[in-house]
Amino acid sequence: PYFAINALANPMRADMVAALGDSTGYYSLKKICSKMKNSRSGRKILLEKPIISSESLNLPYLRSLPSGQFGREYIRYMDHNGFDADERPSVRFLEDEELAYVMLRYRQIHDFWHVLSGLPPTVFGEIALKWLEWRVTALPVCGLSSLAGPLRLSSEDRGILRQEYIPWALECGGNCEDLMSYPYEENFNRTVEEIRIDLNFIPAPKI
């Protein structure tokens, strides 16, 4: 209850949101992990446990890529918003090492999903993306954010979310390939559109 209350009271408290995710995600993470083990790429990720950080990413290389390529659009998104790949909270409340890594992986590829969806890191954009994440991962923290987050929106924005973005999230999340098992880091030199085709990923409506 402590983590939930604090996360809802201040969704910008990444530490509280992360702690809520850690403490409620065990069964969903087990299902995600099992699904990842059903694909070669998912098994490879679980075996090698790649980390997305400023140390592991070749930032000058990403900035040198042509516009439209996935790596270039990712670093453009990060630079434009003043984000750092090292900012994602660590996992503190999961004892199972494999499940802890799956939770960390989910957090670290969140920004890739922003690039693929075209959603900005605004309150509205984050809520819309949380609906997609809830459909894809079934993590309770995503469900809580999806249901409680709209209370922070205007009535007009809640209507747009309900009429356009929730249907998009449910359709995209229901039809796409396994987003948790995709080797994003190995595909930086391909275009965003090619990645979307790989994943059968429908971009979000334009905000």
N, C-alpha and C. Protein backbone atom coordinates (compact mmCIF):
# COMPACT_ATOMS: atom_id res chain seq x y z
N PRO A 1 0.81 -1.21 0.00
CA PRO A 1 0.00 0.00 0.00
C PRO A 1 0.85 1.27 0.00
N TYR A 2 1.98 1.23 0.74
CA TYR A 2 2.84 2.42 0.83
C TYR A 2 3.33 2.84 -0.54
N PHE A 3 3.84 1.88 -1.32
CA PHE A 3 4.36 2.19 -2.65
C PHE A 3 3.24 2.65 -3.57
N ALA A 4 2.09 2.00 -3.49
CA ALA A 4 0.97 2.36 -4.36
C ALA A 4 0.49 3.77 -4.08
N ILE A 5 0.34 4.11 -2.79
CA ILE A 5 -0.14 5.44 -2.41
C ILE A 5 0.82 6.51 -2.89
N ASN A 6 2.12 6.30 -2.67
CA ASN A 6 3.11 7.29 -3.06
C ASN A 6 3.25 7.39 -4.57
N ALA A 7 3.15 6.27 -5.27
CA ALA A 7 3.25 6.27 -6.73
C ALA A 7 2.07 7.00 -7.35
N LEU A 8 0.88 6.80 -6.79
CA LEU A 8 -0.30 7.48 -7.32
C LEU A 8 -0.31 8.96 -6.97
N ALA A 9 0.19 9.28 -5.77
CA ALA A 9 0.21 10.68 -5.35
C ALA A 9 1.19 11.50 -6.17
N ASN A 10 2.28 10.85 -6.59
CA ASN A 10 3.29 11.56 -7.39
C ASN A 10 3.89 10.61 -8.41
N PRO A 11 3.25 10.48 -9.58
CA PRO A 11 3.74 9.55 -10.61
C PRO A 11 5.13 9.88 -11.12
N MET A 12 5.63 11.09 -10.83
CA MET A 12 6.98 11.45 -11.26
C MET A 12 8.04 10.87 -10.32
N ARG A 13 7.62 10.30 -9.19
CA ARG A 13 8.56 9.63 -8.29
C ARG A 13 8.89 8.27 -8.88
N ALA A 14 9.92 8.24 -9.73
CA ALA A 14 10.28 7.01 -10.42
C ALA A 14 10.63 5.90 -9.43
N ASP A 15 11.21 6.27 -8.29
CA ASP A 15 11.60 5.25 -7.31
C ASP A 15 10.37 4.55 -6.72
N MET A 16 9.30 5.32 -6.47
CA MET A 16 8.09 4.74 -5.92
C MET A 16 7.36 3.87 -6.96
N VAL A 17 7.31 4.36 -8.19
CA VAL A 17 6.69 3.58 -9.26
C VAL A 17 7.47 2.28 -9.48
N ALA A 18 8.81 2.39 -9.45
CA ALA A 18 9.64 1.20 -9.63
C ALA A 18 9.44 0.21 -8.50
N ALA A 19 9.39 0.71 -7.27
CA ALA A 19 9.19 -0.18 -6.12
C ALA A 19 7.83 -0.87 -6.20
N LEU A 20 6.82 -0.14 -6.65
CA LEU A 20 5.50 -0.74 -6.83
C LEU A 20 5.57 -1.84 -7.88
N GLY A 21 6.27 -1.59 -8.96
CA GLY A 21 6.42 -2.61 -10.00
C GLY A 21 7.13 -3.84 -9.49
N ASP A 22 8.21 -3.63 -8.72
CA ASP A 22 8.96 -4.76 -8.17
C ASP A 22 8.09 -5.62 -7.26
N SER A 23 7.32 -4.96 -6.41
CA SER A 23 6.59 -5.66 -5.36
C SER A 23 5.30 -6.31 -5.83
N THR A 24 4.83 -5.97 -7.03
CA THR A 24 3.55 -6.53 -7.51
C THR A 24 3.69 -7.36 -8.78
N GLY A 25 4.91 -7.42 -9.34
CA GLY A 25 5.04 -7.97 -10.68
C GLY A 25 5.41 -9.43 -10.81
N TYR A 26 5.56 -10.16 -9.70
CA TYR A 26 6.14 -11.51 -9.76
C TYR A 26 5.45 -12.42 -10.77
N TYR A 27 4.14 -12.57 -10.69
CA TYR A 27 3.44 -13.54 -11.54
C TYR A 27 3.43 -13.12 -13.01
N SER A 28 3.29 -11.82 -13.25
CA SER A 28 3.36 -11.35 -14.64
C SER A 28 4.75 -11.54 -15.21
N LEU A 29 5.76 -11.29 -14.41
CA LEU A 29 7.13 -11.47 -14.88
C LEU A 29 7.43 -12.93 -15.19
N LYS A 30 6.87 -13.84 -14.41
CA LYS A 30 7.03 -15.27 -14.69
C LYS A 30 6.47 -15.60 -16.07
N LYS A 31 5.31 -15.04 -16.40
CA LYS A 31 4.70 -15.29 -17.70
C LYS A 31 5.52 -14.67 -18.83
N ILE A 32 6.02 -13.46 -18.60
CA ILE A 32 6.86 -12.80 -19.61
C ILE A 32 8.11 -13.63 -19.86
N CYS A 33 8.73 -14.08 -18.78
CA CYS A 33 9.95 -14.87 -18.89
C CYS A 33 9.70 -16.17 -19.64
N SER A 34 8.60 -16.83 -19.34
CA SER A 34 8.25 -18.08 -20.01
C SER A 34 8.04 -17.84 -21.51
N LYS A 35 7.39 -16.74 -21.85
CA LYS A 35 7.16 -16.41 -23.26
C LYS A 35 8.49 -16.12 -23.96
N MET A 36 9.39 -15.43 -23.29
CA MET A 36 10.69 -15.12 -23.89
C MET A 36 11.47 -16.40 -24.19
N LYS A 37 11.31 -17.39 -23.35
CA LYS A 37 12.04 -18.65 -23.53
C LYS A 37 11.52 -19.46 -24.72
N ASN A 38 10.37 -19.05 -25.26
CA ASN A 38 9.81 -19.75 -26.41
C ASN A 38 10.39 -19.28 -27.74
N SER A 39 11.21 -18.23 -27.72
CA SER A 39 11.81 -17.74 -28.96
C SER A 39 13.32 -17.71 -28.83
N ARG A 40 14.00 -17.86 -29.97
CA ARG A 40 15.47 -17.86 -29.97
C ARG A 40 16.00 -16.53 -29.46
N SER A 41 15.41 -15.43 -29.94
CA SER A 41 15.91 -14.11 -29.53
C SER A 41 15.65 -13.86 -28.04
N GLY A 42 14.49 -14.33 -27.56
CA GLY A 42 14.19 -14.17 -26.15
C GLY A 42 15.15 -14.96 -25.27
N ARG A 43 15.44 -16.19 -25.68
CA ARG A 43 16.39 -17.01 -24.91
C ARG A 43 17.77 -16.37 -24.92
N LYS A 44 18.16 -15.80 -26.04
CA LYS A 44 19.47 -15.15 -26.15
C LYS A 44 19.56 -13.95 -25.20
N ILE A 45 18.48 -13.17 -25.15
CA ILE A 45 18.47 -12.02 -24.25
C ILE A 45 18.56 -12.47 -22.80
N LEU A 46 17.82 -13.50 -22.43
CA LEU A 46 17.85 -13.99 -21.05
C LEU A 46 19.22 -14.58 -20.70
N LEU A 47 19.88 -15.17 -21.68
CA LEU A 47 21.19 -15.76 -21.43
C LEU A 47 22.27 -14.69 -21.30
N GLU A 48 22.27 -13.74 -22.24
CA GLU A 48 23.34 -12.73 -22.28
C GLU A 48 23.07 -11.53 -21.38
N LYS A 49 21.80 -11.29 -21.07
CA LYS A 49 21.38 -10.19 -20.20
C LYS A 49 22.02 -8.85 -20.60
N PRO A 50 21.78 -8.40 -21.83
CA PRO A 50 22.34 -7.11 -22.24
C PRO A 50 21.75 -5.96 -21.42
N ILE A 51 22.58 -4.98 -21.14
CA ILE A 51 22.18 -3.81 -20.38
C ILE A 51 22.22 -2.59 -21.31
N ILE A 52 21.20 -1.77 -21.23
CA ILE A 52 21.15 -0.54 -22.02
C ILE A 52 21.59 0.60 -21.12
N SER A 53 22.76 1.13 -21.39
CA SER A 53 23.33 2.19 -20.56
C SER A 53 24.20 3.08 -21.43
N SER A 54 24.62 4.21 -20.87
CA SER A 54 25.51 5.11 -21.62
C SER A 54 26.85 4.43 -21.90
N GLU A 55 27.19 3.46 -21.08
CA GLU A 55 28.45 2.74 -21.29
C GLU A 55 28.32 1.71 -22.40
N SER A 56 27.18 1.03 -22.48
CA SER A 56 27.01 -0.02 -23.49
C SER A 56 26.65 0.54 -24.86
N LEU A 57 26.04 1.73 -24.90
CA LEU A 57 25.64 2.33 -26.16
C LEU A 57 26.78 3.18 -26.72
N ASN A 58 26.98 3.08 -28.00
CA ASN A 58 27.97 3.93 -28.68
C ASN A 58 27.24 5.20 -29.13
N LEU A 59 27.18 6.18 -28.24
CA LEU A 59 26.37 7.37 -28.50
C LEU A 59 26.85 8.16 -29.71
N PRO A 60 28.16 8.37 -29.91
CA PRO A 60 28.59 9.08 -31.13
C PRO A 60 28.17 8.35 -32.40
N TYR A 61 28.23 7.02 -32.37
CA TYR A 61 27.81 6.24 -33.53
C TYR A 61 26.32 6.43 -33.80
N LEU A 62 25.51 6.38 -32.75
CA LEU A 62 24.07 6.55 -32.92
C LEU A 62 23.76 7.93 -33.50
N ARG A 63 24.48 8.93 -33.04
CA ARG A 63 24.23 10.29 -33.53
C ARG A 63 24.71 10.46 -34.97
N SER A 64 25.57 9.57 -35.44
CA SER A 64 26.08 9.67 -36.81
C SER A 64 25.20 8.97 -37.83
N LEU A 65 24.23 8.20 -37.36
CA LEU A 65 23.37 7.44 -38.28
C LEU A 65 22.43 8.38 -39.02
N PRO A 66 22.00 8.00 -40.21
CA PRO A 66 21.06 8.83 -40.98
C PRO A 66 19.71 8.95 -40.27
N SER A 67 19.04 10.05 -40.51
CA SER A 67 17.69 10.23 -39.99
C SER A 67 16.79 9.10 -40.47
N GLY A 68 15.92 8.66 -39.60
CA GLY A 68 15.01 7.57 -39.94
C GLY A 68 15.48 6.23 -39.44
N GLN A 69 16.80 6.08 -39.24
CA GLN A 69 17.28 4.82 -38.70
C GLN A 69 16.98 4.76 -37.21
N PHE A 70 16.72 3.56 -36.74
CA PHE A 70 16.23 3.38 -35.38
C PHE A 70 17.16 3.97 -34.33
N GLY A 71 18.46 3.70 -34.47
CA GLY A 71 19.41 4.22 -33.51
C GLY A 71 19.45 5.74 -33.49
N ARG A 72 19.35 6.34 -34.69
CA ARG A 72 19.38 7.81 -34.78
C ARG A 72 18.13 8.41 -34.15
N GLU A 73 16.98 7.81 -34.40
CA GLU A 73 15.75 8.35 -33.84
C GLU A 73 15.68 8.14 -32.33
N TYR A 74 16.27 7.04 -31.86
CA TYR A 74 16.32 6.80 -30.42
C TYR A 74 17.17 7.87 -29.73
N ILE A 75 18.37 8.11 -30.22
CA ILE A 75 19.24 9.09 -29.57
C ILE A 75 18.71 10.51 -29.76
N ARG A 76 18.02 10.75 -30.86
CA ARG A 76 17.38 12.06 -31.05
C ARG A 76 16.31 12.27 -29.97
N TYR A 77 15.51 11.24 -29.73
CA TYR A 77 14.48 11.30 -28.69
C TYR A 77 15.12 11.55 -27.32
N MET A 78 16.18 10.82 -27.03
CA MET A 78 16.84 10.97 -25.72
C MET A 78 17.45 12.35 -25.56
N ASP A 79 18.18 12.81 -26.59
CA ASP A 79 18.82 14.13 -26.52
C ASP A 79 17.79 15.25 -26.42
N HIS A 80 16.75 15.15 -27.22
CA HIS A 80 15.73 16.20 -27.26
C HIS A 80 15.05 16.37 -25.90
N ASN A 81 14.86 15.27 -25.20
CA ASN A 81 14.16 15.32 -23.92
C ASN A 81 15.10 15.37 -22.72
N GLY A 82 16.41 15.41 -22.99
CA GLY A 82 17.38 15.47 -21.90
C GLY A 82 17.43 14.21 -21.07
N PHE A 83 17.17 13.07 -21.70
CA PHE A 83 17.16 11.79 -21.00
C PHE A 83 18.53 11.12 -21.07
N ASP A 84 18.75 10.25 -20.12
CA ASP A 84 19.99 9.48 -20.04
C ASP A 84 19.62 8.02 -19.85
N ALA A 85 20.24 7.14 -20.60
CA ALA A 85 19.92 5.71 -20.50
C ALA A 85 20.21 5.15 -19.11
N ASP A 86 21.04 5.84 -18.33
CA ASP A 86 21.38 5.36 -16.99
C ASP A 86 20.34 5.74 -15.94
N GLU A 87 19.32 6.47 -16.33
CA GLU A 87 18.36 6.98 -15.35
C GLU A 87 17.31 5.96 -14.92
N ARG A 88 17.18 4.86 -15.62
CA ARG A 88 16.15 3.88 -15.27
C ARG A 88 16.44 3.27 -13.90
N PRO A 89 15.43 3.21 -13.01
CA PRO A 89 15.65 2.70 -11.66
C PRO A 89 16.09 1.24 -11.66
N SER A 90 16.93 0.89 -10.70
CA SER A 90 17.35 -0.50 -10.55
C SER A 90 16.20 -1.30 -9.93
N VAL A 91 16.35 -2.60 -9.95
CA VAL A 91 15.35 -3.50 -9.36
C VAL A 91 15.81 -3.85 -7.96
N ARG A 92 14.97 -3.56 -6.96
CA ARG A 92 15.39 -3.73 -5.57
C ARG A 92 14.60 -4.78 -4.79
N PHE A 93 13.41 -5.13 -5.26
CA PHE A 93 12.53 -5.95 -4.44
C PHE A 93 12.16 -7.28 -5.09
N LEU A 94 13.02 -7.76 -5.98
CA LEU A 94 12.82 -9.08 -6.59
C LEU A 94 14.05 -9.93 -6.33
N GLU A 95 13.88 -11.02 -5.62
CA GLU A 95 15.02 -11.87 -5.28
C GLU A 95 15.44 -12.77 -6.42
N ASP A 96 14.50 -13.19 -7.25
CA ASP A 96 14.80 -14.06 -8.39
C ASP A 96 15.60 -13.26 -9.42
N GLU A 97 16.84 -13.67 -9.70
CA GLU A 97 17.72 -12.90 -10.57
C GLU A 97 17.19 -12.81 -11.99
N GLU A 98 16.61 -13.88 -12.49
CA GLU A 98 16.10 -13.87 -13.86
C GLU A 98 14.90 -12.92 -13.99
N LEU A 99 14.00 -12.98 -13.03
CA LEU A 99 12.84 -12.10 -13.06
C LEU A 99 13.25 -10.65 -12.84
N ALA A 100 14.26 -10.44 -12.01
CA ALA A 100 14.75 -9.08 -11.78
C ALA A 100 15.32 -8.52 -13.08
N TYR A 101 16.00 -9.36 -13.85
CA TYR A 101 16.53 -8.88 -15.13
C TYR A 101 15.40 -8.57 -16.10
N VAL A 102 14.36 -9.40 -16.14
CA VAL A 102 13.24 -9.14 -17.03
C VAL A 102 12.59 -7.79 -16.70
N MET A 103 12.44 -7.50 -15.41
CA MET A 103 11.88 -6.21 -15.01
C MET A 103 12.81 -5.06 -15.44
N LEU A 104 14.10 -5.25 -15.26
CA LEU A 104 15.05 -4.23 -15.68
C LEU A 104 15.00 -4.03 -17.19
N ARG A 105 14.92 -5.13 -17.92
CA ARG A 105 14.83 -5.05 -19.39
C ARG A 105 13.59 -4.27 -19.80
N TYR A 106 12.47 -4.55 -19.16
CA TYR A 106 11.23 -3.82 -19.45
C TYR A 106 11.43 -2.32 -19.27
N ARG A 107 12.07 -1.94 -18.19
CA ARG A 107 12.29 -0.51 -17.93
C ARG A 107 13.24 0.10 -18.95
N GLN A 108 14.26 -0.64 -19.33
CA GLN A 108 15.28 -0.08 -20.20
C GLN A 108 14.84 0.02 -21.66
N ILE A 109 13.86 -0.77 -22.08
CA ILE A 109 13.41 -0.68 -23.48
C ILE A 109 12.18 0.22 -23.61
N HIS A 110 11.74 0.80 -22.51
CA HIS A 110 10.59 1.71 -22.53
C HIS A 110 10.78 2.83 -23.55
N ASP A 111 11.97 3.40 -23.60
CA ASP A 111 12.21 4.51 -24.53
C ASP A 111 12.21 4.05 -25.98
N PHE A 112 12.59 2.81 -26.23
CA PHE A 112 12.48 2.27 -27.59
C PHE A 112 11.02 2.25 -28.03
N TRP A 113 10.13 1.93 -27.10
CA TRP A 113 8.70 1.88 -27.42
C TRP A 113 8.15 3.27 -27.68
N HIS A 114 8.71 4.27 -27.02
CA HIS A 114 8.33 5.65 -27.34
C HIS A 114 8.67 5.95 -28.81
N VAL A 115 9.85 5.53 -29.24
CA VAL A 115 10.29 5.81 -30.61
C VAL A 115 9.39 5.07 -31.61
N LEU A 116 9.12 3.82 -31.34
CA LEU A 116 8.29 3.04 -32.26
C LEU A 116 6.85 3.55 -32.32
N SER A 117 6.33 3.96 -31.19
CA SER A 117 4.94 4.42 -31.15
C SER A 117 4.80 5.86 -31.63
N GLY A 118 5.87 6.65 -31.48
CA GLY A 118 5.78 8.06 -31.79
C GLY A 118 5.18 8.89 -30.68
N LEU A 119 4.98 8.30 -29.51
CA LEU A 119 4.38 9.01 -28.38
C LEU A 119 5.42 9.82 -27.63
N PRO A 120 5.12 11.08 -27.31
CA PRO A 120 6.07 11.91 -26.57
C PRO A 120 6.03 11.56 -25.08
N PRO A 121 7.05 11.97 -24.31
CA PRO A 121 7.08 11.67 -22.87
C PRO A 121 6.30 12.69 -22.05
N THR A 122 5.12 13.05 -22.53
CA THR A 122 4.22 13.92 -21.78
C THR A 122 3.33 13.06 -20.90
N VAL A 123 2.55 13.69 -20.02
CA VAL A 123 1.63 12.92 -19.19
C VAL A 123 0.70 12.10 -20.07
N PHE A 124 0.12 12.73 -21.09
CA PHE A 124 -0.79 12.02 -21.99
C PHE A 124 -0.06 10.88 -22.71
N GLY A 125 1.13 11.19 -23.25
CA GLY A 125 1.88 10.18 -23.99
C GLY A 125 2.27 8.99 -23.12
N GLU A 126 2.66 9.27 -21.88
CA GLU A 126 3.05 8.18 -20.98
C GLU A 126 1.85 7.30 -20.62
N ILE A 127 0.69 7.92 -20.42
CA ILE A 127 -0.51 7.14 -20.08
C ILE A 127 -0.90 6.26 -21.27
N ALA A 128 -0.87 6.84 -22.47
CA ALA A 128 -1.20 6.05 -23.66
C ALA A 128 -0.25 4.87 -23.81
N LEU A 129 1.04 5.11 -23.56
CA LEU A 129 2.02 4.03 -23.68
C LEU A 129 1.82 2.99 -22.58
N LYS A 130 1.41 3.44 -21.41
CA LYS A 130 1.15 2.49 -20.31
C LYS A 130 0.03 1.52 -20.68
N TRP A 131 -0.96 2.00 -21.43
CA TRP A 131 -2.02 1.09 -21.89
C TRP A 131 -1.43 0.01 -22.80
N LEU A 132 -0.51 0.40 -23.68
CA LEU A 132 0.15 -0.60 -24.53
C LEU A 132 0.96 -1.56 -23.68
N GLU A 133 1.72 -1.03 -22.73
CA GLU A 133 2.56 -1.88 -21.88
C GLU A 133 1.71 -2.84 -21.06
N TRP A 134 0.57 -2.38 -20.60
CA TRP A 134 -0.32 -3.26 -19.83
C TRP A 134 -0.82 -4.40 -20.71
N ARG A 135 -1.17 -4.08 -21.94
CA ARG A 135 -1.64 -5.11 -22.86
C ARG A 135 -0.53 -6.11 -23.18
N VAL A 136 0.69 -5.63 -23.28
CA VAL A 136 1.81 -6.48 -23.68
C VAL A 136 2.35 -7.29 -22.50
N THR A 137 2.47 -6.67 -21.32
CA THR A 137 3.15 -7.31 -20.20
C THR A 137 2.22 -7.83 -19.11
N ALA A 138 1.02 -7.24 -18.99
CA ALA A 138 0.08 -7.56 -17.91
C ALA A 138 0.65 -7.24 -16.53
N LEU A 139 1.64 -6.37 -16.47
CA LEU A 139 2.21 -5.98 -15.18
C LEU A 139 1.19 -5.13 -14.42
N PRO A 140 0.95 -5.45 -13.14
CA PRO A 140 -0.03 -4.68 -12.37
C PRO A 140 0.28 -3.18 -12.30
N VAL A 141 1.55 -2.82 -12.23
CA VAL A 141 1.90 -1.41 -12.16
C VAL A 141 1.46 -0.67 -13.42
N CYS A 142 1.50 -1.34 -14.57
CA CYS A 142 1.03 -0.73 -15.81
C CYS A 142 -0.49 -0.56 -15.77
N GLY A 143 -1.18 -1.57 -15.23
CA GLY A 143 -2.63 -1.47 -15.12
C GLY A 143 -3.05 -0.34 -14.19
N LEU A 144 -2.37 -0.22 -13.07
CA LEU A 144 -2.69 0.84 -12.12
C LEU A 144 -2.46 2.21 -12.75
N SER A 145 -1.33 2.36 -13.44
CA SER A 145 -1.03 3.64 -14.10
C SER A 145 -2.04 3.93 -15.20
N SER A 146 -2.46 2.90 -15.94
CA SER A 146 -3.42 3.08 -17.03
C SER A 146 -4.78 3.54 -16.52
N LEU A 147 -5.18 3.01 -15.38
CA LEU A 147 -6.52 3.32 -14.85
C LEU A 147 -6.53 4.60 -14.02
N ALA A 148 -5.46 4.83 -13.26
CA ALA A 148 -5.42 6.01 -12.39
C ALA A 148 -4.85 7.23 -13.10
N GLY A 149 -3.96 7.01 -14.05
CA GLY A 149 -3.31 8.13 -14.74
C GLY A 149 -4.27 9.11 -15.39
N PRO A 150 -5.33 8.63 -16.06
CA PRO A 150 -6.25 9.56 -16.73
C PRO A 150 -6.92 10.56 -15.80
N LEU A 151 -6.92 10.31 -14.50
CA LEU A 151 -7.51 11.26 -13.56
C LEU A 151 -6.75 12.58 -13.57
N ARG A 152 -5.51 12.56 -14.06
CA ARG A 152 -4.70 13.77 -14.13
C ARG A 152 -4.93 14.55 -15.41
N LEU A 153 -5.75 13.99 -16.32
CA LEU A 153 -6.00 14.64 -17.61
C LEU A 153 -7.28 15.46 -17.56
N SER A 154 -7.39 16.37 -18.50
CA SER A 154 -8.64 17.11 -18.64
C SER A 154 -9.72 16.18 -19.18
N SER A 155 -10.98 16.58 -19.05
CA SER A 155 -12.06 15.74 -19.55
C SER A 155 -11.95 15.56 -21.06
N GLU A 156 -11.48 16.60 -21.77
CA GLU A 156 -11.30 16.49 -23.22
C GLU A 156 -10.23 15.46 -23.56
N ASP A 157 -9.10 15.51 -22.85
CA ASP A 157 -8.02 14.56 -23.11
C ASP A 157 -8.43 13.14 -22.74
N ARG A 158 -9.21 13.00 -21.68
CA ARG A 158 -9.69 11.65 -21.31
C ARG A 158 -10.57 11.08 -22.42
N GLY A 159 -11.36 11.94 -23.04
CA GLY A 159 -12.19 11.49 -24.15
C GLY A 159 -11.36 11.04 -25.33
N ILE A 160 -10.31 11.80 -25.65
CA ILE A 160 -9.42 11.44 -26.77
C ILE A 160 -8.70 10.13 -26.45
N LEU A 161 -8.24 10.00 -25.22
CA LEU A 161 -7.57 8.77 -24.80
C LEU A 161 -8.50 7.57 -24.97
N ARG A 162 -9.72 7.72 -24.52
CA ARG A 162 -10.69 6.62 -24.57
C ARG A 162 -11.09 6.27 -26.00
N GLN A 163 -11.25 7.29 -26.84
CA GLN A 163 -11.77 7.06 -28.19
C GLN A 163 -10.68 6.65 -29.18
N GLU A 164 -9.45 7.13 -28.99
CA GLU A 164 -8.41 6.90 -29.99
C GLU A 164 -7.23 6.08 -29.49
N TYR A 165 -6.72 6.38 -28.30
CA TYR A 165 -5.44 5.81 -27.89
C TYR A 165 -5.58 4.48 -27.17
N ILE A 166 -6.61 4.30 -26.38
CA ILE A 166 -6.81 2.99 -25.76
C ILE A 166 -7.12 1.94 -26.83
N PRO A 167 -8.01 2.21 -27.80
CA PRO A 167 -8.20 1.23 -28.88
C PRO A 167 -6.92 0.94 -29.64
N TRP A 168 -6.09 1.98 -29.88
CA TRP A 168 -4.80 1.74 -30.55
C TRP A 168 -3.93 0.80 -29.72
N ALA A 169 -3.82 1.09 -28.42
CA ALA A 169 -2.95 0.29 -27.55
C ALA A 169 -3.40 -1.16 -27.52
N LEU A 170 -4.69 -1.38 -27.43
CA LEU A 170 -5.20 -2.75 -27.37
C LEU A 170 -4.99 -3.48 -28.69
N GLU A 171 -5.17 -2.77 -29.81
CA GLU A 171 -4.96 -3.40 -31.11
C GLU A 171 -3.48 -3.68 -31.34
N CYS A 172 -2.65 -2.68 -31.11
CA CYS A 172 -1.21 -2.85 -31.33
C CYS A 172 -0.65 -3.93 -30.41
N GLY A 173 -0.97 -3.83 -29.12
CA GLY A 173 -0.45 -4.81 -28.16
C GLY A 173 -0.96 -6.21 -28.38
N GLY A 174 -2.18 -6.31 -28.93
CA GLY A 174 -2.76 -7.63 -29.16
C GLY A 174 -2.25 -8.32 -30.40
N ASN A 175 -1.77 -7.53 -31.37
CA ASN A 175 -1.36 -8.10 -32.66
C ASN A 175 0.14 -8.12 -32.89
N CYS A 176 0.91 -7.38 -32.09
CA CYS A 176 2.35 -7.28 -32.36
C CYS A 176 3.09 -8.54 -31.90
N GLU A 177 4.30 -8.68 -32.39
CA GLU A 177 5.18 -9.75 -31.94
C GLU A 177 5.61 -9.47 -30.50
N ASP A 178 6.33 -10.40 -29.91
CA ASP A 178 6.75 -10.25 -28.51
C ASP A 178 7.76 -9.11 -28.39
N LEU A 179 7.33 -7.98 -27.83
CA LEU A 179 8.19 -6.81 -27.73
C LEU A 179 9.33 -7.01 -26.74
N MET A 180 9.14 -7.90 -25.80
CA MET A 180 10.19 -8.14 -24.79
C MET A 180 11.33 -9.00 -25.34
N SER A 181 11.09 -9.71 -26.43
CA SER A 181 12.10 -10.62 -26.95
C SER A 181 12.86 -10.07 -28.16
N TYR A 182 12.62 -8.82 -28.49
CA TYR A 182 13.25 -8.26 -29.69
C TYR A 182 14.61 -7.65 -29.35
N PRO A 183 15.65 -7.96 -30.15
CA PRO A 183 17.00 -7.43 -29.89
C PRO A 183 17.17 -6.02 -30.47
N TYR A 184 16.59 -5.03 -29.82
CA TYR A 184 16.59 -3.66 -30.32
C TYR A 184 18.02 -3.16 -30.59
N GLU A 185 18.93 -3.47 -29.68
CA GLU A 185 20.30 -2.96 -29.79
C GLU A 185 21.03 -3.47 -31.02
N GLU A 186 20.60 -4.60 -31.53
CA GLU A 186 21.24 -5.17 -32.71
C GLU A 186 20.66 -4.62 -34.01
N ASN A 187 19.69 -3.74 -33.90
CA ASN A 187 18.99 -3.24 -35.09
C ASN A 187 18.99 -1.72 -35.18
N PHE A 188 19.96 -1.10 -34.54
CA PHE A 188 20.02 0.36 -34.57
C PHE A 188 20.24 0.91 -35.98
N ASN A 189 20.88 0.12 -36.84
CA ASN A 189 21.20 0.62 -38.19
C ASN A 189 20.09 0.33 -39.21
N ARG A 190 18.95 -0.14 -38.74
CA ARG A 190 17.79 -0.32 -39.61
C ARG A 190 16.80 0.81 -39.35
N THR A 191 15.85 1.00 -40.25
CA THR A 191 14.93 2.11 -40.11
C THR A 191 13.85 1.78 -39.07
N VAL A 192 13.26 2.83 -38.54
CA VAL A 192 12.15 2.65 -37.59
C VAL A 192 11.03 1.86 -38.26
N GLU A 193 10.76 2.16 -39.51
CA GLU A 193 9.68 1.48 -40.21
C GLU A 193 9.99 -0.01 -40.36
N GLU A 194 11.23 -0.36 -40.62
CA GLU A 194 11.60 -1.77 -40.72
C GLU A 194 11.39 -2.50 -39.40
N ILE A 195 11.71 -1.83 -38.29
CA ILE A 195 11.50 -2.44 -36.97
C ILE A 195 10.01 -2.64 -36.73
N ARG A 196 9.22 -1.64 -37.10
CA ARG A 196 7.77 -1.77 -36.95
C ARG A 196 7.24 -2.95 -37.75
N ILE A 197 7.76 -3.15 -38.95
CA ILE A 197 7.33 -4.27 -39.77
C ILE A 197 7.73 -5.59 -39.12
N ASP A 198 8.97 -5.65 -38.61
CA ASP A 198 9.43 -6.85 -37.90
C ASP A 198 8.45 -7.24 -36.79
N LEU A 199 8.00 -6.24 -36.06
CA LEU A 199 7.20 -6.47 -34.87
C LEU A 199 5.70 -6.38 -35.10
N ASN A 200 5.31 -6.07 -36.33
CA ASN A 200 3.91 -5.82 -36.62
C ASN A 200 3.35 -4.75 -35.66
N PHE A 201 4.14 -3.69 -35.52
CA PHE A 201 3.87 -2.63 -34.55
C PHE A 201 3.19 -1.46 -35.24
N ILE A 202 1.98 -1.13 -34.80
CA ILE A 202 1.22 -0.02 -35.38
C ILE A 202 1.58 1.26 -34.62
N PRO A 203 2.07 2.31 -35.30
CA PRO A 203 2.35 3.55 -34.59
C PRO A 203 1.08 4.17 -34.02
N ALA A 204 1.24 4.94 -32.98
CA ALA A 204 0.09 5.57 -32.32
C ALA A 204 -0.46 6.70 -33.20
N PRO A 205 -1.73 7.05 -33.00
CA PRO A 205 -2.26 8.24 -33.67
C PRO A 205 -1.42 9.47 -33.31
N LYS A 206 -1.32 10.40 -34.21
CA LYS A 206 -0.54 11.61 -33.95
C LYS A 206 -1.21 12.45 -32.87
N ILE A 207 -0.40 12.88 -31.91
CA ILE A 207 -0.92 13.77 -30.86
C ILE A 207 -0.88 15.19 -31.36
